[in-house]
PDB file of all heavy atoms in Angstrom:
ATOM      1  N   GLN A   1       6.345  49.596 -20.751  1.00  0.00           N
ATOM      2  CA  GLN A   1       6.661  50.498 -21.856  1.00  0.00           C
ATOM      3  C   GLN A   1       7.914  50.045 -22.598  1.00  0.00           C
ATOM      4  O   GLN A   1       7.991  50.129 -23.829  1.00  0.00           O
ATOM      5  CB  GLN A   1       6.864  51.913 -21.322  1.00  0.00           C
ATOM      6  CG  GLN A   1       5.640  52.516 -20.664  1.00  0.00           C
ATOM      7  CD  GLN A   1       5.920  53.875 -20.090  1.00  0.00           C
ATOM      8  OE1 GLN A   1       6.194  54.830 -20.820  1.00  0.00           O
ATOM      9  NE2 GLN A   1       5.874  54.002 -18.768  1.00  0.00           N
ATOM     10  N   VAL A   2       8.908  49.583 -21.850  1.00  0.00           N
ATOM     11  CA  VAL A   2      10.135  49.078 -22.469  1.00  0.00           C
ATOM     12  C   VAL A   2       9.797  47.932 -23.412  1.00  0.00           C
ATOM     13  O   VAL A   2      10.279  47.881 -24.546  1.00  0.00           O
ATOM     14  CB  VAL A   2      11.129  48.619 -21.388  1.00  0.00           C
ATOM     15  CG1 VAL A   2      12.304  47.880 -22.029  1.00  0.00           C
ATOM     16  CG2 VAL A   2      11.642  49.817 -20.592  1.00  0.00           C
ATOM     17  N   TRP A   3       8.959  47.021 -22.952  1.00  0.00           N
ATOM     18  CA  TRP A   3       8.591  45.869 -23.779  1.00  0.00           C
ATOM     19  C   TRP A   3       7.893  46.318 -25.066  1.00  0.00           C
ATOM     20  O   TRP A   3       8.179  45.807 -26.155  1.00  0.00           O
ATOM     21  CB  TRP A   3       7.670  44.947 -22.978  1.00  0.00           C
ATOM     22  CG  TRP A   3       7.555  43.572 -23.564  1.00  0.00           C
ATOM     23  CD1 TRP A   3       6.833  43.207 -24.671  1.00  0.00           C
ATOM     24  CD2 TRP A   3       8.197  42.384 -23.098  1.00  0.00           C
ATOM     25  NE1 TRP A   3       6.975  41.868 -24.911  1.00  0.00           N
ATOM     26  CE2 TRP A   3       7.808  41.332 -23.963  1.00  0.00           C
ATOM     27  CE3 TRP A   3       9.042  42.099 -22.036  1.00  0.00           C
ATOM     28  CZ2 TRP A   3       8.244  40.019 -23.795  1.00  0.00           C
ATOM     29  CZ3 TRP A   3       9.475  40.790 -21.868  1.00  0.00           C
ATOM     30  CH2 TRP A   3       9.087  39.771 -22.729  1.00  0.00           C
ATOM     31  N   VAL A   4       7.004  47.275 -24.941  1.00  0.00           N
ATOM     32  CA  VAL A   4       6.250  47.746 -26.102  1.00  0.00           C
ATOM     33  C   VAL A   4       7.167  48.434 -27.123  1.00  0.00           C
ATOM     34  O   VAL A   4       7.014  48.245 -28.339  1.00  0.00           O
ATOM     35  CB  VAL A   4       5.130  48.706 -25.635  1.00  0.00           C
ATOM     36  CG1 VAL A   4       4.512  49.444 -26.818  1.00  0.00           C
ATOM     37  CG2 VAL A   4       4.060  47.934 -24.880  1.00  0.00           C
ATOM     38  N   LEU A   5       8.132  49.203 -26.657  1.00  0.00           N
ATOM     39  CA  LEU A   5       9.057  49.885 -27.572  1.00  0.00           C
ATOM     40  C   LEU A   5      10.044  48.910 -28.203  1.00  0.00           C
ATOM     41  O   LEU A   5      10.428  49.070 -29.367  1.00  0.00           O
ATOM     42  CB  LEU A   5       9.813  50.984 -26.825  1.00  0.00           C
ATOM     43  CG  LEU A   5       8.971  52.153 -26.308  1.00  0.00           C
ATOM     44  CD1 LEU A   5       9.834  53.115 -25.504  1.00  0.00           C
ATOM     45  CD2 LEU A   5       8.288  52.897 -27.450  1.00  0.00           C
ATOM     46  N   TRP A   6      10.454  47.932 -27.435  1.00  0.00           N
ATOM     47  CA  TRP A   6      11.449  46.988 -27.943  1.00  0.00           C
ATOM     48  C   TRP A   6      10.868  45.974 -28.918  1.00  0.00           C
ATOM     49  O   TRP A   6      11.602  45.439 -29.766  1.00  0.00           O
ATOM     50  CB  TRP A   6      12.105  46.260 -26.782  1.00  0.00           C
ATOM     51  CG  TRP A   6      13.232  47.032 -26.159  1.00  0.00           C
ATOM     52  CD1 TRP A   6      13.751  48.221 -26.575  1.00  0.00           C
ATOM     53  CD2 TRP A   6      13.982  46.662 -24.978  1.00  0.00           C
ATOM     54  NE1 TRP A   6      14.770  48.623 -25.748  1.00  0.00           N
ATOM     55  CE2 TRP A   6      14.940  47.689 -24.765  1.00  0.00           C
ATOM     56  CE3 TRP A   6      13.931  45.587 -24.110  1.00  0.00           C
ATOM     57  CZ2 TRP A   6      15.841  47.643 -23.701  1.00  0.00           C
ATOM     58  CZ3 TRP A   6      14.827  45.542 -23.052  1.00  0.00           C
ATOM     59  CH2 TRP A   6      15.774  46.548 -22.847  1.00  0.00           C
ATOM     60  N   ALA A   7       9.582  45.657 -28.807  1.00  0.00           N
ATOM     61  CA  ALA A   7       9.002  44.599 -29.639  1.00  0.00           C
ATOM     62  C   ALA A   7       9.148  44.872 -31.136  1.00  0.00           C
ATOM     63  O   ALA A   7       9.676  44.027 -31.875  1.00  0.00           O
ATOM     64  CB  ALA A   7       7.542  44.372 -29.257  1.00  0.00           C
ATOM     65  N   PRO A   8       8.707  46.028 -31.647  1.00  0.00           N
ATOM     66  CA  PRO A   8       8.913  46.266 -33.087  1.00  0.00           C
ATOM     67  C   PRO A   8      10.379  46.392 -33.455  1.00  0.00           C
ATOM     68  O   PRO A   8      10.789  45.983 -34.555  1.00  0.00           O
ATOM     69  CB  PRO A   8       8.159  47.579 -33.343  1.00  0.00           C
ATOM     70  CG  PRO A   8       7.997  48.219 -32.014  1.00  0.00           C
ATOM     71  CD  PRO A   8       7.931  47.107 -31.017  1.00  0.00           C
ATOM     72  N   ALA A   9      11.204  46.930 -32.550  1.00  0.00           N
ATOM     73  CA  ALA A   9      12.642  47.015 -32.817  1.00  0.00           C
ATOM     74  C   ALA A   9      13.241  45.628 -32.960  1.00  0.00           C
ATOM     75  O   ALA A   9      14.073  45.377 -33.852  1.00  0.00           O
ATOM     76  CB  ALA A   9      13.341  47.785 -31.696  1.00  0.00           C
ATOM     77  N   ALA A  10      12.832  44.701 -32.089  1.00  0.00           N
ATOM     78  CA  ALA A  10      13.339  43.333 -32.173  1.00  0.00           C
ATOM     79  C   ALA A  10      12.867  42.650 -33.448  1.00  0.00           C
ATOM     80  O   ALA A  10      13.612  41.866 -34.060  1.00  0.00           O
ATOM     81  CB  ALA A  10      12.885  42.542 -30.945  1.00  0.00           C
ATOM     82  N   GLY A  11      11.637  42.933 -33.861  1.00  0.00           N
ATOM     83  CA  GLY A  11      11.149  42.360 -35.103  1.00  0.00           C
ATOM     84  C   GLY A  11      11.983  42.779 -36.295  1.00  0.00           C
ATOM     85  O   GLY A  11      12.361  41.952 -37.143  1.00  0.00           O
ATOM     86  N   VAL A  12      12.327  44.060 -36.369  1.00  0.00           N
ATOM     87  CA  VAL A  12      13.152  44.565 -37.469  1.00  0.00           C
ATOM     88  C   VAL A  12      14.564  43.992 -37.377  1.00  0.00           C
ATOM     89  O   VAL A  12      15.138  43.530 -38.380  1.00  0.00           O
ATOM     90  CB  VAL A  12      13.206  46.107 -37.438  1.00  0.00           C
ATOM     91  CG1 VAL A  12      14.175  46.635 -38.486  1.00  0.00           C
ATOM     92  CG2 VAL A  12      11.814  46.683 -37.663  1.00  0.00           C
ATOM     93  N   ALA A  13      15.146  44.018 -36.186  1.00  0.00           N
ATOM     94  CA  ALA A  13      16.522  43.554 -36.016  1.00  0.00           C
ATOM     95  C   ALA A  13      16.648  42.076 -36.381  1.00  0.00           C
ATOM     96  O   ALA A  13      17.587  41.672 -37.083  1.00  0.00           O
ATOM     97  CB  ALA A  13      16.973  43.799 -34.583  1.00  0.00           C
ATOM     98  N   LEU A  14      15.709  41.254 -35.920  1.00  0.00           N
ATOM     99  CA  LEU A  14      15.795  39.825 -36.210  1.00  0.00           C
ATOM    100  C   LEU A  14      15.560  39.547 -37.691  1.00  0.00           C
ATOM    101  O   LEU A  14      16.223  38.672 -38.273  1.00  0.00           O
ATOM    102  CB  LEU A  14      14.777  39.068 -35.354  1.00  0.00           C
ATOM    103  CG  LEU A  14      14.903  37.539 -35.346  1.00  0.00           C
ATOM    104  CD1 LEU A  14      16.310  37.116 -34.949  1.00  0.00           C
ATOM    105  CD2 LEU A  14      13.875  36.926 -34.396  1.00  0.00           C
ATOM    106  N   ALA A  15      14.658  40.272 -38.310  1.00  0.00           N
ATOM    107  CA  ALA A  15      14.435  40.100 -39.748  1.00  0.00           C
ATOM    108  C   ALA A  15      15.689  40.459 -40.543  1.00  0.00           C
ATOM    109  O   ALA A  15      16.031  39.785 -41.526  1.00  0.00           O
ATOM    110  CB  ALA A  15      13.256  40.961 -40.202  1.00  0.00           C
ATOM    111  N   ARG A  16      16.394  41.488 -40.125  1.00  0.00           N
ATOM    112  CA  ARG A  16      17.633  41.881 -40.816  1.00  0.00           C
ATOM    113  C   ARG A  16      18.749  40.873 -40.565  1.00  0.00           C
ATOM    114  O   ARG A  16      19.585  40.646 -41.434  1.00  0.00           O
ATOM    115  CB  ARG A  16      18.058  43.277 -40.377  1.00  0.00           C
ATOM    116  CG  ARG A  16      17.062  44.367 -40.760  1.00  0.00           C
ATOM    117  CD  ARG A  16      17.582  45.758 -40.443  1.00  0.00           C
ATOM    118  NE  ARG A  16      18.590  46.178 -41.402  1.00  0.00           N
ATOM    119  CZ  ARG A  16      19.279  47.319 -41.316  1.00  0.00           C
ATOM    120  NH1 ARG A  16      19.078  48.125 -40.281  1.00  0.00           N
ATOM    121  NH2 ARG A  16      20.166  47.639 -42.228  1.00  0.00           N
ATOM    122  N   LEU A  17      18.778  40.275 -39.380  1.00  0.00           N
ATOM    123  CA  LEU A  17      19.775  39.237 -39.115  1.00  0.00           C
ATOM    124  C   LEU A  17      19.519  37.991 -39.956  1.00  0.00           C
ATOM    125  O   LEU A  17      20.445  37.217 -40.240  1.00  0.00           O
ATOM    126  CB  LEU A  17      19.757  38.863 -37.629  1.00  0.00           C
ATOM    127  CG  LEU A  17      20.318  39.903 -36.653  1.00  0.00           C
ATOM    128  CD1 LEU A  17      20.071  39.474 -35.215  1.00  0.00           C
ATOM    129  CD2 LEU A  17      21.812  40.125 -36.893  1.00  0.00           C
ATOM    130  N   LEU A  18      18.262  37.783 -40.355  1.00  0.00           N
ATOM    131  CA  LEU A  18      17.914  36.633 -41.193  1.00  0.00           C
ATOM    132  C   LEU A  18      18.073  36.911 -42.687  1.00  0.00           C
ATOM    133  O   LEU A  18      17.987  35.986 -43.505  1.00  0.00           O
ATOM    134  CB  LEU A  18      16.460  36.230 -40.924  1.00  0.00           C
ATOM    135  CG  LEU A  18      16.177  35.523 -39.594  1.00  0.00           C
ATOM    136  CD1 LEU A  18      14.683  35.480 -39.325  1.00  0.00           C
ATOM    137  CD2 LEU A  18      16.750  34.120 -39.612  1.00  0.00           C
ATOM    138  N   ASP A  19      18.305  38.144 -43.062  1.00  0.00           N
ATOM    139  CA  ASP A  19      18.323  38.552 -44.466  1.00  0.00           C
ATOM    140  C   ASP A  19      19.742  38.448 -45.029  1.00  0.00           C
ATOM    141  O   ASP A  19      20.641  39.169 -44.582  1.00  0.00           O
ATOM    142  CB  ASP A  19      17.826  39.992 -44.591  1.00  0.00           C
ATOM    143  CG  ASP A  19      17.656  40.418 -46.034  1.00  0.00           C
ATOM    144  OD1 ASP A  19      17.861  39.581 -46.941  1.00  0.00           O
ATOM    145  OD2 ASP A  19      17.326  41.603 -46.264  1.00  0.00           O
ATOM    146  N   PRO A  20      19.990  37.565 -45.997  1.00  0.00           N
ATOM    147  CA  PRO A  20      21.341  37.452 -46.568  1.00  0.00           C
ATOM    148  C   PRO A  20      21.852  38.758 -47.167  1.00  0.00           C
ATOM    149  O   PRO A  20      23.061  38.998 -47.212  1.00  0.00           O
ATOM    150  CB  PRO A  20      21.173  36.381 -47.647  1.00  0.00           C
ATOM    151  CG  PRO A  20      19.949  35.619 -47.256  1.00  0.00           C
ATOM    152  CD  PRO A  20      19.056  36.605 -46.581  1.00  0.00           C
ATOM    153  N   ALA A  21      20.943  39.617 -47.622  1.00  0.00           N
ATOM    154  CA  ALA A  21      21.367  40.897 -48.195  1.00  0.00           C
ATOM    155  C   ALA A  21      22.016  41.799 -47.158  1.00  0.00           C
ATOM    156  O   ALA A  21      22.708  42.758 -47.503  1.00  0.00           O
ATOM    157  CB  ALA A  21      20.162  41.609 -48.818  1.00  0.00           C
ATOM    158  N   GLU A  22      21.820  41.494 -45.876  1.00  0.00           N
ATOM    159  CA  GLU A  22      22.392  42.299 -44.801  1.00  0.00           C
ATOM    160  C   GLU A  22      23.757  41.792 -44.351  1.00  0.00           C
ATOM    161  O   GLU A  22      24.352  42.329 -43.419  1.00  0.00           O
ATOM    162  CB  GLU A  22      21.451  42.297 -43.590  1.00  0.00           C
ATOM    163  CG  GLU A  22      20.119  42.970 -43.827  1.00  0.00           C
ATOM    164  CD  GLU A  22      20.224  44.481 -43.809  1.00  0.00           C
ATOM    165  OE1 GLU A  22      21.229  44.996 -43.296  1.00  0.00           O
ATOM    166  OE2 GLU A  22      19.302  45.142 -44.314  1.00  0.00           O
ATOM    167  N   ALA A  23      24.257  40.733 -44.982  1.00  0.00           N
ATOM    168  CA  ALA A  23      25.503  40.115 -44.539  1.00  0.00           C
ATOM    169  C   ALA A  23      26.667  41.098 -44.611  1.00  0.00           C
ATOM    170  O   ALA A  23      26.758  41.936 -45.526  1.00  0.00           O
ATOM    171  CB  ALA A  23      25.806  38.887 -45.387  1.00  0.00           C
ATOM    172  N   LEU A  24      27.554  41.003 -43.638  1.00  0.00           N
ATOM    173  CA  LEU A  24      28.757  41.818 -43.645  1.00  0.00           C
ATOM    174  C   LEU A  24      29.640  41.407 -44.815  1.00  0.00           C
ATOM    175  O   LEU A  24      29.623  40.260 -45.274  1.00  0.00           O
ATOM    176  CB  LEU A  24      29.518  41.648 -42.330  1.00  0.00           C
ATOM    177  CG  LEU A  24      28.743  41.975 -41.038  1.00  0.00           C
ATOM    178  CD1 LEU A  24      29.607  41.687 -39.829  1.00  0.00           C
ATOM    179  CD2 LEU A  24      28.290  43.412 -41.036  1.00  0.00           C
ATOM    180  N   SER A  25      30.437  42.332 -45.295  1.00  0.00           N
ATOM    181  CA  SER A  25      31.283  42.058 -46.457  1.00  0.00           C
ATOM    182  C   SER A  25      32.261  40.919 -46.200  1.00  0.00           C
ATOM    183  O   SER A  25      32.675  40.218 -47.125  1.00  0.00           O
ATOM    184  CB  SER A  25      32.055  43.327 -46.840  1.00  0.00           C
ATOM    185  OG  SER A  25      32.822  43.791 -45.733  1.00  0.00           O
ATOM    186  N   SER A  26      32.625  40.709 -44.936  1.00  0.00           N
ATOM    187  CA  SER A  26      33.592  39.665 -44.587  1.00  0.00           C
ATOM    188  C   SER A  26      32.934  38.324 -44.299  1.00  0.00           C
ATOM    189  O   SER A  26      33.614  37.353 -43.968  1.00  0.00           O
ATOM    190  CB  SER A  26      34.409  40.098 -43.362  1.00  0.00           C
ATOM    191  OG  SER A  26      33.553  40.364 -42.268  1.00  0.00           O
ATOM    192  N   VAL A  27      31.600  38.260 -44.416  1.00  0.00           N
ATOM    193  CA  VAL A  27      30.866  37.040 -44.072  1.00  0.00           C
ATOM    194  C   VAL A  27      30.106  36.553 -45.299  1.00  0.00           C
ATOM    195  O   VAL A  27      29.425  37.333 -45.974  1.00  0.00           O
ATOM    196  CB  VAL A  27      29.887  37.289 -42.906  1.00  0.00           C
ATOM    197  CG1 VAL A  27      29.126  36.008 -42.569  1.00  0.00           C
ATOM    198  CG2 VAL A  27      30.635  37.800 -41.691  1.00  0.00           C
ATOM    199  N   ASP A  28      30.206  35.251 -45.581  1.00  0.00           N
ATOM    200  CA  ASP A  28      29.465  34.662 -46.679  1.00  0.00           C
ATOM    201  C   ASP A  28      27.967  34.750 -46.387  1.00  0.00           C
ATOM    202  O   ASP A  28      27.530  34.552 -45.251  1.00  0.00           O
ATOM    203  CB  ASP A  28      29.884  33.200 -46.846  1.00  0.00           C
ATOM    204  CG  ASP A  28      29.127  32.532 -47.986  1.00  0.00           C
ATOM    205  OD1 ASP A  28      29.411  32.832 -49.148  1.00  0.00           O
ATOM    206  OD2 ASP A  28      28.227  31.716 -47.678  1.00  0.00           O
ATOM    207  N   SER A  29      27.182  35.034 -47.410  1.00  0.00           N
ATOM    208  CA  SER A  29      25.745  35.249 -47.199  1.00  0.00           C
ATOM    209  C   SER A  29      25.061  34.002 -46.656  1.00  0.00           C
ATOM    210  O   SER A  29      24.143  34.097 -45.833  1.00  0.00           O
ATOM    211  CB  SER A  29      25.083  35.679 -48.511  1.00  0.00           C
ATOM    212  OG  SER A  29      25.254  34.684 -49.508  1.00  0.00           O
ATOM    213  N   SER A  30      25.482  32.828 -47.093  1.00  0.00           N
ATOM    214  CA  SER A  30      24.862  31.605 -46.578  1.00  0.00           C
ATOM    215  C   SER A  30      25.210  31.394 -45.107  1.00  0.00           C
ATOM    216  O   SER A  30      24.370  30.953 -44.315  1.00  0.00           O
ATOM    217  CB  SER A  30      25.311  30.397 -47.402  1.00  0.00           C
ATOM    218  OG  SER A  30      26.726  30.243 -47.335  1.00  0.00           O
ATOM    219  N   ALA A  31      26.444  31.727 -44.737  1.00  0.00           N
ATOM    220  CA  ALA A  31      26.842  31.615 -43.331  1.00  0.00           C
ATOM    221  C   ALA A  31      26.072  32.620 -42.482  1.00  0.00           C
ATOM    222  O   ALA A  31      25.671  32.330 -41.346  1.00  0.00           O
ATOM    223  CB  ALA A  31      28.347  31.831 -43.186  1.00  0.00           C
ATOM    224  N   TRP A  32      25.860  33.818 -43.040  1.00  0.00           N
ATOM    225  CA  TRP A  32      25.087  34.840 -42.333  1.00  0.00           C
ATOM    226  C   TRP A  32      23.659  34.353 -42.099  1.00  0.00           C
ATOM    227  O   TRP A  32      23.112  34.494 -41.010  1.00  0.00           O
ATOM    228  CB  TRP A  32      25.078  36.126 -43.146  1.00  0.00           C
ATOM    229  CG  TRP A  32      24.246  37.237 -42.569  1.00  0.00           C
ATOM    230  CD1 TRP A  32      22.921  37.474 -42.784  1.00  0.00           C
ATOM    231  CD2 TRP A  32      24.681  38.243 -41.658  1.00  0.00           C
ATOM    232  NE1 TRP A  32      22.499  38.573 -42.084  1.00  0.00           N
ATOM    233  CE2 TRP A  32      23.562  39.072 -41.386  1.00  0.00           C
ATOM    234  CE3 TRP A  32      25.901  38.543 -41.064  1.00  0.00           C
ATOM    235  CZ2 TRP A  32      23.637  40.172 -40.539  1.00  0.00           C
ATOM    236  CZ3 TRP A  32      25.979  39.644 -40.225  1.00  0.00           C
ATOM    237  CH2 TRP A  32      24.863  40.445 -39.959  1.00  0.00           C
ATOM    238  N   ARG A  33      23.094  33.741 -43.148  1.00  0.00           N
ATOM    239  CA  ARG A  33      21.729  33.229 -43.043  1.00  0.00           C
ATOM    240  C   ARG A  33      21.647  32.120 -41.987  1.00  0.00           C
ATOM    241  O   ARG A  33      20.718  32.084 -41.179  1.00  0.00           O
ATOM    242  CB  ARG A  33      21.297  32.686 -44.403  1.00  0.00           C
ATOM    243  CG  ARG A  33      19.954  31.975 -44.411  1.00  0.00           C
ATOM    244  CD  ARG A  33      18.817  32.941 -44.394  1.00  0.00           C
ATOM    245  NE  ARG A  33      17.532  32.276 -44.523  1.00  0.00           N
ATOM    246  CZ  ARG A  33      16.374  32.895 -44.593  1.00  0.00           C
ATOM    247  NH1 ARG A  33      16.332  34.207 -44.546  1.00  0.00           N
ATOM    248  NH2 ARG A  33      15.256  32.217 -44.721  1.00  0.00           N
ATOM    249  N   THR A  34      22.633  31.237 -41.994  1.00  0.00           N
ATOM    250  CA  THR A  34      22.647  30.142 -41.021  1.00  0.00           C
ATOM    251  C   THR A  34      22.741  30.674 -39.598  1.00  0.00           C
ATOM    252  O   THR A  34      22.018  30.220 -38.696  1.00  0.00           O
ATOM    253  CB  THR A  34      23.828  29.198 -41.298  1.00  0.00           C
ATOM    254  OG1 THR A  34      23.703  28.670 -42.627  1.00  0.00           O
ATOM    255  CG2 THR A  34      23.852  28.057 -40.298  1.00  0.00           C
ATOM    256  N   ALA A  35      23.635  31.652 -39.395  1.00  0.00           N
ATOM    257  CA  ALA A  35      23.778  32.237 -38.065  1.00  0.00           C
ATOM    258  C   ALA A  35      22.495  32.944 -37.647  1.00  0.00           C
ATOM    259  O   ALA A  35      22.063  32.858 -36.486  1.00  0.00           O
ATOM    260  CB  ALA A  35      24.951  33.212 -38.048  1.00  0.00           C
ATOM    261  N   GLY A  36      21.865  33.629 -38.602  1.00  0.00           N
ATOM    262  CA  GLY A  36      20.617  34.312 -38.296  1.00  0.00           C
ATOM    263  C   GLY A  36      19.512  33.347 -37.924  1.00  0.00           C
ATOM    264  O   GLY A  36      18.732  33.594 -36.991  1.00  0.00           O
ATOM    265  N   VAL A  37      19.413  32.244 -38.637  1.00  0.00           N
ATOM    266  CA  VAL A  37      18.403  31.236 -38.322  1.00  0.00           C
ATOM    267  C   VAL A  37      18.645  30.660 -36.932  1.00  0.00           C
ATOM    268  O   VAL A  37      17.703  30.423 -36.162  1.00  0.00           O
ATOM    269  CB  VAL A  37      18.406  30.121 -39.386  1.00  0.00           C
ATOM    270  CG1 VAL A  37      17.553  28.946 -38.932  1.00  0.00           C
ATOM    271  CG2 VAL A  37      17.907  30.661 -40.713  1.00  0.00           C
ATOM    272  N   ALA A  38      19.917  30.442 -36.597  1.00  0.00           N
ATOM    273  CA  ALA A  38      20.238  29.912 -35.269  1.00  0.00           C
ATOM    274  C   ALA A  38      19.795  30.885 -34.176  1.00  0.00           C
ATOM    275  O   ALA A  38      19.194  30.482 -33.167  1.00  0.00           O
ATOM    276  CB  ALA A  38      21.738  29.636 -35.169  1.00  0.00           C
ATOM    277  N   VAL A  39      20.102  32.174 -34.372  1.00  0.00           N
ATOM    278  CA  VAL A  39      19.685  33.181 -33.395  1.00  0.00           C
ATOM    279  C   VAL A  39      18.164  33.221 -33.291  1.00  0.00           C
ATOM    280  O   VAL A  39      17.592  33.255 -32.188  1.00  0.00           O
ATOM    281  CB  VAL A  39      20.239  34.567 -33.777  1.00  0.00           C
ATOM    282  CG1 VAL A  39      19.618  35.657 -32.903  1.00  0.00           C
ATOM    283  CG2 VAL A  39      21.751  34.600 -33.654  1.00  0.00           C
ATOM    284  N   ALA A  40      17.492  33.195 -34.439  1.00  0.00           N
ATOM    285  CA  ALA A  40      16.027  33.266 -34.441  1.00  0.00           C
ATOM    286  C   ALA A  40      15.415  32.074 -33.719  1.00  0.00           C
ATOM    287  O   ALA A  40      14.459  32.223 -32.943  1.00  0.00           O
ATOM    288  CB  ALA A  40      15.512  33.346 -35.874  1.00  0.00           C
ATOM    289  N   CYS A  41      15.948  30.893 -33.964  1.00  0.00           N
ATOM    290  CA  CYS A  41      15.406  29.701 -33.307  1.00  0.00           C
ATOM    291  C   CYS A  41      15.561  29.788 -31.793  1.00  0.00           C
ATOM    292  O   CYS A  41      14.622  29.471 -31.044  1.00  0.00           O
ATOM    293  CB  CYS A  41      16.106  28.451 -33.838  1.00  0.00           C
ATOM    294  SG  CYS A  41      15.659  28.019 -35.543  1.00  0.00           S
ATOM    295  N   VAL A  42      16.726  30.215 -31.343  1.00  0.00           N
ATOM    296  CA  VAL A  42      16.960  30.342 -29.900  1.00  0.00           C
ATOM    297  C   VAL A  42      16.016  31.377 -29.304  1.00  0.00           C
ATOM    298  O   VAL A  42      15.393  31.155 -28.251  1.00  0.00           O
ATOM    299  CB  VAL A  42      18.430  30.716 -29.622  1.00  0.00           C
ATOM    300  CG1 VAL A  42      18.622  31.069 -28.148  1.00  0.00           C
ATOM    301  CG2 VAL A  42      19.349  29.570 -30.008  1.00  0.00           C
ATOM    302  N   VAL A  43      15.889  32.516 -29.970  1.00  0.00           N
ATOM    303  CA  VAL A  43      15.057  33.603 -29.440  1.00  0.00           C
ATOM    304  C   VAL A  43      13.586  33.201 -29.415  1.00  0.00           C
ATOM    305  O   VAL A  43      12.890  33.377 -28.401  1.00  0.00           O
ATOM    306  CB  VAL A  43      15.249  34.884 -30.276  1.00  0.00           C
ATOM    307  CG1 VAL A  43      14.223  35.940 -29.883  1.00  0.00           C
ATOM    308  CG2 VAL A  43      16.654  35.428 -30.104  1.00  0.00           C
ATOM    309  N   LEU A  44      13.092  32.645 -30.517  1.00  0.00           N
ATOM    310  CA  LEU A  44      11.672  32.292 -30.573  1.00  0.00           C
ATOM    311  C   LEU A  44      11.339  31.167 -29.603  1.00  0.00           C
ATOM    312  O   LEU A  44      10.258  31.165 -28.992  1.00  0.00           O
ATOM    313  CB  LEU A  44      11.298  31.890 -32.001  1.00  0.00           C
ATOM    314  CG  LEU A  44      11.417  33.003 -33.052  1.00  0.00           C
ATOM    315  CD1 LEU A  44      11.044  32.476 -34.433  1.00  0.00           C
ATOM    316  CD2 LEU A  44      10.544  34.194 -32.698  1.00  0.00           C
TER     317      LEU A  44
END
């Protein structure tokens, strides 16, 4: 059950980490995108 509940949550969270529009105000959007891609590659 934990896996089933977490799967869509992880999909949303990872998509937002990859989205430059979600970048923190103190972080450059390209750097945010790069960090997100790195996280996504490791996770996938």
